[in-house]
Amino acid sequence: MAHRFFLPSEFIQGEAVQFTPVQARQLATVLRLRPGEQVTVLDGSGSAFDVSLIMVTAKNARGVVTGSRVAGGEPGVRLTLVQGLLRAPKWETVLQK
């Protein structure tokens, strides 16, 4: 499964994709991705783009759209999280986190 990034639609101009500086740092230094590798970009309006990276540095990253599709949306699995009762100081920490 490709790494997924959320970008506003203004960062996707036709086939060109410009990542934010924070995402460029994540691509280059955290994930250590290189030009030619594939990622998925979601635009927040229901579209998913397959993107081939063409330039990756710690300050700037760009890619080109190689395919697009309708994003899957919310997963079909419902999840219910239950927390047991704790004493006040620990409960406050659980609520905070």
PDB file of N, CA and C in Angstrom:
ATOM      1  N   MET A   1       0.847  -1.181   0.000  1.00  0.00           N
ATOM      2  CA  MET A   1       0.000   0.000   0.000  1.00  0.00           C
ATOM      3  C   MET A   1       0.889   1.239   0.000  1.00  0.00           C
ATOM      4  N   ALA A   2       0.600   2.169  -0.867  1.00  0.00           N
ATOM      5  CA  ALA A   2       1.396   3.385  -0.991  1.00  0.00           C
ATOM      6  C   ALA A   2       1.131   4.330   0.178  1.00  0.00           C
ATOM      7  N   HIS A   3       2.105   5.157   0.474  1.00  0.00           N
ATOM      8  CA  HIS A   3       1.929   6.183   1.502  1.00  0.00           C
ATOM      9  C   HIS A   3       0.879   7.169   1.011  1.00  0.00           C
ATOM     10  N   ARG A   4       0.057   7.671   1.941  1.00  0.00           N
ATOM     11  CA  ARG A   4      -1.029   8.584   1.579  1.00  0.00           C
ATOM     12  C   ARG A   4      -0.785   9.961   2.158  1.00  0.00           C
ATOM     13  N   PHE A   5      -1.051  10.974   1.347  1.00  0.00           N
ATOM     14  CA  PHE A   5      -0.881  12.362   1.752  1.00  0.00           C
ATOM     15  C   PHE A   5      -2.139  13.135   1.401  1.00  0.00           C
ATOM     16  N   PHE A   6      -2.525  14.041   2.279  1.00  0.00           N
ATOM     17  CA  PHE A   6      -3.682  14.890   2.053  1.00  0.00           C
ATOM     18  C   PHE A   6      -3.199  16.260   1.603  1.00  0.00           C
ATOM     19  N   LEU A   7      -3.681  16.707   0.447  1.00  0.00           N
ATOM     20  CA  LEU A   7      -3.313  18.008  -0.101  1.00  0.00           C
ATOM     21  C   LEU A   7      -4.564  18.740  -0.557  1.00  0.00           C
ATOM     22  N   PRO A   8      -4.656  20.047  -0.281  1.00  0.00           N
ATOM     23  CA  PRO A   8      -5.763  20.814  -0.859  1.00  0.00           C
ATOM     24  C   PRO A   8      -5.663  20.781  -2.389  1.00  0.00           C
ATOM     25  N   SER A   9      -6.796  20.917  -3.055  1.00  0.00           N
ATOM     26  CA  SER A   9      -6.831  20.795  -4.511  1.00  0.00           C
ATOM     27  C   SER A   9      -5.966  21.836  -5.225  1.00  0.00           C
ATOM     28  N   GLU A  10      -5.678  22.970  -4.595  1.00  0.00           N
ATOM     29  CA  GLU A  10      -4.834  23.975  -5.255  1.00  0.00           C
ATOM     30  C   GLU A  10      -3.377  23.526  -5.395  1.00  0.00           C
ATOM     31  N   PHE A  11      -2.970  22.480  -4.686  1.00  0.00           N
ATOM     32  CA  PHE A  11      -1.615  21.942  -4.823  1.00  0.00           C
ATOM     33  C   PHE A  11      -1.523  20.936  -5.967  1.00  0.00           C
ATOM     34  N   ILE A  12      -2.672  20.618  -6.577  1.00  0.00           N
ATOM     35  CA  ILE A  12      -2.712  19.695  -7.711  1.00  0.00           C
ATOM     36  C   ILE A  12      -3.149  20.503  -8.925  1.00  0.00           C
ATOM     37  N   GLN A  13      -2.217  20.803  -9.798  1.00  0.00           N
ATOM     38  CA  GLN A  13      -2.480  21.605 -10.992  1.00  0.00           C
ATOM     39  C   GLN A  13      -2.334  20.726 -12.225  1.00  0.00           C
ATOM     40  N   GLY A  14      -3.446  20.249 -12.762  1.00  0.00           N
ATOM     41  CA  GLY A  14      -3.396  19.340 -13.906  1.00  0.00           C
ATOM     42  C   GLY A  14      -2.726  18.038 -13.502  1.00  0.00           C
ATOM     43  N   GLU A  15      -1.586  17.751 -14.124  1.00  0.00           N
ATOM     44  CA  GLU A  15      -0.833  16.535 -13.801  1.00  0.00           C
ATOM     45  C   GLU A  15       0.259  16.787 -12.764  1.00  0.00           C
ATOM     46  N   ALA A  16       0.525  18.058 -12.443  1.00  0.00           N
ATOM     47  CA  ALA A  16       1.614  18.415 -11.525  1.00  0.00           C
ATOM     48  C   ALA A  16       1.108  18.486 -10.086  1.00  0.00           C
ATOM     49  N   VAL A  17       1.894  17.924  -9.166  1.00  0.00           N
ATOM     50  CA  VAL A  17       1.565  17.944  -7.740  1.00  0.00           C
ATOM     51  C   VAL A  17       2.736  18.563  -6.994  1.00  0.00           C
ATOM     52  N   GLN A  18       2.451  19.579  -6.180  1.00  0.00           N
ATOM     53  CA  GLN A  18       3.454  20.242  -5.347  1.00  0.00           C
ATOM     54  C   GLN A  18       3.127  19.937  -3.893  1.00  0.00           C
ATOM     55  N   PHE A  19       4.049  19.304  -3.176  1.00  0.00           N
ATOM     56  CA  PHE A  19       3.837  18.981  -1.768  1.00  0.00           C
ATOM     57  C   PHE A  19       4.221  20.171  -0.899  1.00  0.00           C
ATOM     58  N   THR A  20       3.642  20.244   0.303  1.00  0.00           N
ATOM     59  CA  THR A  20       3.993  21.298   1.247  1.00  0.00           C
ATOM     60  C   THR A  20       5.405  21.045   1.779  1.00  0.00           C
ATOM     61  N   PRO A  21       6.076  22.072   2.336  1.00  0.00           N
ATOM     62  CA  PRO A  21       7.413  21.859   2.900  1.00  0.00           C
ATOM     63  C   PRO A  21       7.447  20.808   4.005  1.00  0.00           C
ATOM     64  N   VAL A  22       6.412  20.742   4.837  1.00  0.00           N
ATOM     65  CA  VAL A  22       6.362  19.736   5.902  1.00  0.00           C
ATOM     66  C   VAL A  22       6.272  18.339   5.290  1.00  0.00           C
ATOM     67  N   GLN A  23       5.450  18.183   4.267  1.00  0.00           N
ATOM     68  CA  GLN A  23       5.331  16.887   3.602  1.00  0.00           C
ATOM     69  C   GLN A  23       6.611  16.538   2.849  1.00  0.00           C
ATOM     70  N   ALA A  24       7.269  17.535   2.260  1.00  0.00           N
ATOM     71  CA  ALA A  24       8.539  17.281   1.569  1.00  0.00           C
ATOM     72  C   ALA A  24       9.567  16.732   2.546  1.00  0.00           C
ATOM     73  N   ARG A  25       9.630  17.303   3.736  1.00  0.00           N
ATOM     74  CA  ARG A  25      10.556  16.803   4.749  1.00  0.00           C
ATOM     75  C   ARG A  25      10.216  15.366   5.135  1.00  0.00           C
ATOM     76  N   GLN A  26       8.927  15.082   5.287  1.00  0.00           N
ATOM     77  CA  GLN A  26       8.521  13.727   5.631  1.00  0.00           C
ATOM     78  C   GLN A  26       8.884  12.750   4.514  1.00  0.00           C
ATOM     79  N   LEU A  27       8.643  13.136   3.264  1.00  0.00           N
ATOM     80  CA  LEU A  27       8.974  12.277   2.129  1.00  0.00           C
ATOM     81  C   LEU A  27      10.471  11.984   2.067  1.00  0.00           C
ATOM     82  N   ALA A  28      11.286  13.040   2.246  1.00  0.00           N
ATOM     83  CA  ALA A  28      12.735  12.907   2.045  1.00  0.00           C
ATOM     84  C   ALA A  28      13.471  12.333   3.243  1.00  0.00           C
ATOM     85  N   THR A  29      13.189  12.829   4.433  1.00  0.00           N
ATOM     86  CA  THR A  29      14.011  12.442   5.583  1.00  0.00           C
ATOM     87  C   THR A  29      13.393  11.364   6.463  1.00  0.00           C
ATOM     88  N   VAL A  30      12.060  11.341   6.548  1.00  0.00           N
ATOM     89  CA  VAL A  30      11.415  10.350   7.398  1.00  0.00           C
ATOM     90  C   VAL A  30      11.180   9.048   6.626  1.00  0.00           C
ATOM     91  N   LEU A  31      10.517   9.155   5.473  1.00  0.00           N
ATOM     92  CA  LEU A  31      10.199   7.967   4.675  1.00  0.00           C
ATOM     93  C   LEU A  31      11.324   7.574   3.715  1.00  0.00           C
ATOM     94  N   ARG A  32      12.222   8.512   3.458  1.00  0.00           N
ATOM     95  CA  ARG A  32      13.366   8.301   2.555  1.00  0.00           C
ATOM     96  C   ARG A  32      12.944   7.821   1.171  1.00  0.00           C
ATOM     97  N   LEU A  33      11.900   8.458   0.647  1.00  0.00           N
ATOM     98  CA  LEU A  33      11.442   8.129  -0.686  1.00  0.00           C
ATOM     99  C   LEU A  33      12.295   8.860  -1.713  1.00  0.00           C
ATOM    100  N   ARG A  34      12.398   8.293  -2.889  1.00  0.00           N
ATOM    101  CA  ARG A  34      13.244   8.821  -3.960  1.00  0.00           C
ATOM    102  C   ARG A  34      12.398   9.054  -5.209  1.00  0.00           C
ATOM    103  N   PRO A  35      12.904   9.852  -6.144  1.00  0.00           N
ATOM    104  CA  PRO A  35      12.181  10.038  -7.411  1.00  0.00           C
ATOM    105  C   PRO A  35      11.887   8.687  -8.069  1.00  0.00           C
ATOM    106  N   GLY A  36      10.693   8.591  -8.629  1.00  0.00           N
ATOM    107  CA  GLY A  36      10.256   7.358  -9.265  1.00  0.00           C
ATOM    108  C   GLY A  36       9.340   6.521  -8.386  1.00  0.00           C
ATOM    109  N   GLU A  37       9.355   6.762  -7.073  1.00  0.00           N
ATOM    110  CA  GLU A  37       8.487   6.001  -6.176  1.00  0.00           C
ATOM    111  C   GLU A  37       7.071   6.578  -6.217  1.00  0.00           C
ATOM    112  N   GLN A  38       6.100   5.733  -5.854  1.00  0.00           N
ATOM    113  CA  GLN A  38       4.684   6.086  -5.928  1.00  0.00           C
ATOM    114  C   GLN A  38       4.106   6.418  -4.553  1.00  0.00           C
ATOM    115  N   VAL A  39       3.243   7.431  -4.502  1.00  0.00           N
ATOM    116  CA  VAL A  39       2.464   7.758  -3.314  1.00  0.00           C
ATOM    117  C   VAL A  39       1.029   8.017  -3.757  1.00  0.00           C
ATOM    118  N   THR A  40       0.121   8.069  -2.805  1.00  0.00           N
ATOM    119  CA  THR A  40      -1.272   8.405  -3.080  1.00  0.00           C
ATOM    120  C   THR A  40      -1.567   9.758  -2.462  1.00  0.00           C
ATOM    121  N   VAL A  41      -2.221  10.627  -3.230  1.00  0.00           N
ATOM    122  CA  VAL A  41      -2.591  11.961  -2.757  1.00  0.00           C
ATOM    123  C   VAL A  41      -4.110  12.055  -2.754  1.00  0.00           C
ATOM    124  N   LEU A  42      -4.662  12.476  -1.617  1.00  0.00           N
ATOM    125  CA  LEU A  42      -6.101  12.684  -1.467  1.00  0.00           C
ATOM    126  C   LEU A  42      -6.358  14.180  -1.391  1.00  0.00           C
ATOM    127  N   ASP A  43      -7.352  14.667  -2.146  1.00  0.00           N
ATOM    128  CA  ASP A  43      -7.588  16.105  -2.206  1.00  0.00           C
ATOM    129  C   ASP A  43      -8.695  16.600  -1.286  1.00  0.00           C
ATOM    130  N   GLY A  44      -9.326  15.720  -0.533  1.00  0.00           N
ATOM    131  CA  GLY A  44     -10.361  16.138   0.406  1.00  0.00           C
ATOM    132  C   GLY A  44     -11.728  16.314  -0.233  1.00  0.00           C
ATOM    133  N   SER A  45     -11.837  16.150  -1.537  1.00  0.00           N
ATOM    134  CA  SER A  45     -13.141  16.285  -2.194  1.00  0.00           C
ATOM    135  C   SER A  45     -13.595  14.973  -2.823  1.00  0.00           C
ATOM    136  N   GLY A  46     -12.982  13.868  -2.410  1.00  0.00           N
ATOM    137  CA  GLY A  46     -13.414  12.572  -2.889  1.00  0.00           C
ATOM    138  C   GLY A  46     -12.563  11.953  -3.978  1.00  0.00           C
ATOM    139  N   SER A  47     -11.459  12.598  -4.348  1.00  0.00           N
ATOM    140  CA  SER A  47     -10.583  12.058  -5.383  1.00  0.00           C
ATOM    141  C   SER A  47      -9.268  11.578  -4.783  1.00  0.00           C
ATOM    142  N   ALA A  48      -8.769  10.479  -5.332  1.00  0.00           N
ATOM    143  CA  ALA A  48      -7.459   9.948  -4.945  1.00  0.00           C
ATOM    144  C   ALA A  48      -6.603   9.912  -6.198  1.00  0.00           C
ATOM    145  N   PHE A  49      -5.352  10.361  -6.077  1.00  0.00           N
ATOM    146  CA  PHE A  49      -4.444  10.426  -7.212  1.00  0.00           C
ATOM    147  C   PHE A  49      -3.224   9.556  -6.938  1.00  0.00           C
ATOM    148  N   ASP A  50      -2.864   8.732  -7.916  1.00  0.00           N
ATOM    149  CA  ASP A  50      -1.602   8.008  -7.858  1.00  0.00           C
ATOM    150  C   ASP A  50      -0.546   8.961  -8.385  1.00  0.00           C
ATOM    151  N   VAL A  51       0.502   9.203  -7.593  1.00  0.00           N
ATOM    152  CA  VAL A  51       1.510  10.201  -7.945  1.00  0.00           C
ATOM    153  C   VAL A  51       2.887   9.554  -7.963  1.00  0.00           C
ATOM    154  N   SER A  52       3.612   9.779  -9.053  1.00  0.00           N
ATOM    155  CA  SER A  52       4.999   9.348  -9.159  1.00  0.00           C
ATOM    156  C   SER A  52       5.878  10.543  -8.799  1.00  0.00           C
ATOM    157  N   LEU A  53       6.753  10.380  -7.819  1.00  0.00           N
ATOM    158  CA  LEU A  53       7.614  11.477  -7.382  1.00  0.00           C
ATOM    159  C   LEU A  53       8.661  11.767  -8.456  1.00  0.00           C
ATOM    160  N   ILE A  54       8.856  13.054  -8.761  1.00  0.00           N
ATOM    161  CA  ILE A  54       9.880  13.430  -9.738  1.00  0.00           C
ATOM    162  C   ILE A  54      11.022  14.207  -9.097  1.00  0.00           C
ATOM    163  N   MET A  55      10.767  14.805  -7.932  1.00  0.00           N
ATOM    164  CA  MET A  55      11.809  15.519  -7.203  1.00  0.00           C
ATOM    165  C   MET A  55      11.508  15.438  -5.717  1.00  0.00           C
ATOM    166  N   VAL A  56      12.503  15.052  -4.925  1.00  0.00           N
ATOM    167  CA  VAL A  56      12.311  14.941  -3.479  1.00  0.00           C
ATOM    168  C   VAL A  56      13.545  15.496  -2.785  1.00  0.00           C
ATOM    169  N   THR A  57      13.370  16.609  -2.072  1.00  0.00           N
ATOM    170  CA  THR A  57      14.397  17.140  -1.184  1.00  0.00           C
ATOM    171  C   THR A  57      13.726  17.426   0.149  1.00  0.00           C
ATOM    172  N   ALA A  58      14.509  17.777   1.141  1.00  0.00           N
ATOM    173  CA  ALA A  58      13.949  18.047   2.466  1.00  0.00           C
ATOM    174  C   ALA A  58      13.087  19.306   2.498  1.00  0.00           C
ATOM    175  N   LYS A  59      13.198  20.159   1.486  1.00  0.00           N
ATOM    176  CA  LYS A  59      12.426  21.407   1.469  1.00  0.00           C
ATOM    177  C   LYS A  59      11.395  21.475   0.349  1.00  0.00           C
ATOM    178  N   ASN A  60      11.518  20.604  -0.641  1.00  0.00           N
ATOM    179  CA  ASN A  60      10.644  20.686  -1.793  1.00  0.00           C
ATOM    180  C   ASN A  60      10.429  19.292  -2.377  1.00  0.00           C
ATOM    181  N   ALA A  61       9.196  18.993  -2.722  1.00  0.00           N
ATOM    182  CA  ALA A  61       8.882  17.719  -3.366  1.00  0.00           C
ATOM    183  C   ALA A  61       7.789  17.951  -4.395  1.00  0.00           C
ATOM    184  N   ARG A  62       7.974  17.313  -5.551  1.00  0.00           N
ATOM    185  CA  ARG A  62       6.995  17.418  -6.630  1.00  0.00           C
ATOM    186  C   ARG A  62       6.762  16.044  -7.218  1.00  0.00           C
ATOM    187  N   GLY A  63       5.608  15.906  -7.825  1.00  0.00           N
ATOM    188  CA  GLY A  63       5.274  14.648  -8.467  1.00  0.00           C
ATOM    189  C   GLY A  63       4.366  14.878  -9.650  1.00  0.00           C
ATOM    190  N   VAL A  64       4.096  13.803 -10.374  1.00  0.00           N
ATOM    191  CA  VAL A  64       3.215  13.850 -11.530  1.00  0.00           C
ATOM    192  C   VAL A  64       2.135  12.790 -11.352  1.00  0.00           C
ATOM    193  N   VAL A  65       0.896  13.163 -11.676  1.00  0.00           N
ATOM    194  CA  VAL A  65      -0.241  12.255 -11.526  1.00  0.00           C
ATOM    195  C   VAL A  65      -0.152  11.173 -12.596  1.00  0.00           C
ATOM    196  N   THR A  66      -0.200   9.913 -12.171  1.00  0.00           N
ATOM    197  CA  THR A  66      -0.175   8.794 -13.110  1.00  0.00           C
ATOM    198  C   THR A  66      -1.527   8.105 -13.218  1.00  0.00           C
ATOM    199  N   GLY A  67      -2.448   8.453 -12.316  1.00  0.00           N
ATOM    200  CA  GLY A  67      -3.786   7.875 -12.349  1.00  0.00           C
ATOM    201  C   GLY A  67      -4.658   8.518 -11.296  1.00  0.00           C
ATOM    202  N   SER A  68      -5.963   8.430 -11.483  1.00  0.00           N
ATOM    203  CA  SER A  68      -6.883   8.984 -10.483  1.00  0.00           C
ATOM    204  C   SER A  68      -8.091   8.066 -10.364  1.00  0.00           C
ATOM    205  N   ARG A  69      -8.764   8.188  -9.238  1.00  0.00           N
ATOM    206  CA  ARG A  69      -9.943   7.377  -8.968  1.00  0.00           C
ATOM    207  C   ARG A  69     -10.758   8.067  -7.872  1.00  0.00           C
ATOM    208  N   VAL A  70     -11.937   7.551  -7.644  1.00  0.00           N
ATOM    209  CA  VAL A  70     -12.767   8.042  -6.548  1.00  0.00           C
ATOM    210  C   VAL A  70     -12.211   7.440  -5.265  1.00  0.00           C
ATOM    211  N   ALA A  71     -11.982   8.285  -4.264  1.00  0.00           N
ATOM    212  CA  ALA A  71     -11.450   7.814  -2.983  1.00  0.00           C
ATOM    213  C   ALA A  71     -12.481   6.923  -2.302  1.00  0.00           C
ATOM    214  N   GLY A  72     -11.993   5.952  -1.542  1.00  0.00           N
ATOM    215  CA  GLY A  72     -12.861   4.985  -0.885  1.00  0.00           C
ATOM    216  C   GLY A  72     -13.737   5.568   0.203  1.00  0.00           C
ATOM    217  N   GLY A  73     -13.369   6.700   0.764  1.00  0.00           N
ATOM    218  CA  GLY A  73     -14.164   7.295   1.835  1.00  0.00           C
ATOM    219  C   GLY A  73     -13.941   6.594   3.161  1.00  0.00           C
ATOM    220  N   GLU A  74     -14.938   6.633   3.990  1.00  0.00           N
ATOM    221  CA  GLU A  74     -14.858   6.041   5.319  1.00  0.00           C
ATOM    222  C   GLU A  74     -14.803   4.518   5.222  1.00  0.00           C
ATOM    223  N   PRO A  75     -14.025   3.874   6.094  1.00  0.00           N
ATOM    224  CA  PRO A  75     -13.982   2.410   6.072  1.00  0.00           C
ATOM    225  C   PRO A  75     -15.338   1.822   6.460  1.00  0.00           C
ATOM    226  N   GLY A  76     -15.603   0.617   5.981  1.00  0.00           N
ATOM    227  CA  GLY A  76     -16.878  -0.028   6.250  1.00  0.00           C
ATOM    228  C   GLY A  76     -16.973  -0.644   7.635  1.00  0.00           C
ATOM    229  N   VAL A  77     -15.900  -0.620   8.382  1.00  0.00           N
ATOM    230  CA  VAL A  77     -15.864  -1.234   9.704  1.00  0.00           C
ATOM    231  C   VAL A  77     -16.188  -0.184  10.764  1.00  0.00           C
ATOM    232  N   ARG A  78     -17.129  -0.515  11.647  1.00  0.00           N
ATOM    233  CA  ARG A  78     -17.416   0.380  12.773  1.00  0.00           C
ATOM    234  C   ARG A  78     -16.541  -0.028  13.943  1.00  0.00           C
ATOM    235  N   LEU A  79     -16.006   0.946  14.633  1.00  0.00           N
ATOM    236  CA  LEU A  79     -15.128   0.689  15.764  1.00  0.00           C
ATOM    237  C   LEU A  79     -15.682   1.424  16.975  1.00  0.00           C
ATOM    238  N   THR A  80     -15.810   0.719  18.076  1.00  0.00           N
ATOM    239  CA  THR A  80     -16.240   1.316  19.337  1.00  0.00           C
ATOM    240  C   THR A  80     -15.097   1.167  20.325  1.00  0.00           C
ATOM    241  N   LEU A  81     -14.658   2.258  20.882  1.00  0.00           N
ATOM    242  CA  LEU A  81     -13.575   2.256  21.852  1.00  0.00           C
ATOM    243  C   LEU A  81     -14.165   2.424  23.247  1.00  0.00           C
ATOM    244  N   VAL A  82     -13.779   1.542  24.149  1.00  0.00           N
ATOM    245  CA  VAL A  82     -14.294   1.576  25.516  1.00  0.00           C
ATOM    246  C   VAL A  82     -13.117   1.748  26.463  1.00  0.00           C
ATOM    247  N   GLN A  83     -13.261   2.670  27.411  1.00  0.00           N
ATOM    248  CA  GLN A  83     -12.223   2.922  28.404  1.00  0.00           C
ATOM    249  C   GLN A  83     -12.801   2.610  29.777  1.00  0.00           C
ATOM    250  N   GLY A  84     -12.093   1.783  30.534  1.00  0.00           N
ATOM    251  CA  GLY A  84     -12.511   1.483  31.903  1.00  0.00           C
ATOM    252  C   GLY A  84     -12.363   2.715  32.783  1.00  0.00           C
ATOM    253  N   LEU A  85     -13.088   2.731  33.890  1.00  0.00           N
ATOM    254  CA  LEU A  85     -13.021   3.868  34.803  1.00  0.00           C
ATOM    255  C   LEU A  85     -11.679   3.897  35.536  1.00  0.00           C
ATOM    256  N   LEU A  86     -11.144   5.089  35.651  1.00  0.00           N
ATOM    257  CA  LEU A  86      -9.870   5.307  36.337  1.00  0.00           C
ATOM    258  C   LEU A  86     -10.058   6.374  37.402  1.00  0.00           C
ATOM    259  N   ARG A  87      -9.092   6.514  38.261  1.00  0.00           N
ATOM    260  CA  ARG A  87      -9.131   7.606  39.240  1.00  0.00           C
ATOM    261  C   ARG A  87      -8.898   8.925  38.518  1.00  0.00           C
ATOM    262  N   ALA A  88      -9.318  10.006  39.144  1.00  0.00           N
ATOM    263  CA  ALA A  88      -9.363  11.330  38.519  1.00  0.00           C
ATOM    264  C   ALA A  88      -8.098  11.749  37.769  1.00  0.00           C
ATOM    265  N   PRO A  89      -6.891  11.694  38.349  1.00  0.00           N
ATOM    266  CA  PRO A  89      -5.728  12.201  37.602  1.00  0.00           C
ATOM    267  C   PRO A  89      -5.461  11.412  36.317  1.00  0.00           C
ATOM    268  N   LYS A  90      -5.600  10.094  36.389  1.00  0.00           N
ATOM    269  CA  LYS A  90      -5.352   9.273  35.201  1.00  0.00           C
ATOM    270  C   LYS A  90      -6.467   9.448  34.173  1.00  0.00           C
ATOM    271  N   TRP A  91      -7.714   9.605  34.645  1.00  0.00           N
ATOM    272  CA  TRP A  91      -8.831   9.792  33.736  1.00  0.00           C
ATOM    273  C   TRP A  91      -8.663  11.080  32.945  1.00  0.00           C
ATOM    274  N   GLU A  92      -8.199  12.134  33.581  1.00  0.00           N
ATOM    275  CA  GLU A  92      -7.963  13.406  32.897  1.00  0.00           C
ATOM    276  C   GLU A  92      -6.913  13.234  31.791  1.00  0.00           C
ATOM    277  N   THR A  93      -5.880  12.434  32.064  1.00  0.00           N
ATOM    278  CA  THR A  93      -4.848  12.184  31.055  1.00  0.00           C
ATOM    279  C   THR A  93      -5.411  11.420  29.870  1.00  0.00           C
ATOM    280  N   VAL A  94      -6.243  10.417  30.138  1.00  0.00           N
ATOM    281  CA  VAL A  94      -6.870   9.637  29.061  1.00  0.00           C
ATOM    282  C   VAL A  94      -7.733  10.541  28.205  1.00  0.00           C
ATOM    283  N   LEU A  95      -8.541  11.390  28.829  1.00  0.00           N
ATOM    284  CA  LEU A  95      -9.394  12.320  28.067  1.00  0.00           C
ATOM    285  C   LEU A  95      -8.555  13.294  27.249  1.00  0.00           C
ATOM    286  N   GLN A  96      -7.466  13.744  27.793  1.00  0.00           N
ATOM    287  CA  GLN A  96      -6.599  14.691  27.090  1.00  0.00           C
ATOM    288  C   GLN A  96      -5.979  14.063  25.851  1.00  0.00           C
ATOM    289  N   LYS A  97      -5.521  12.818  25.976  1.00  0.00           N
ATOM    290  CA  LYS A  97      -4.822  12.160  24.869  1.00  0.00           C
ATOM    291  C   LYS A  97      -5.795  11.676  23.832  1.00  0.00           C
TER     292      LYS A  97
END
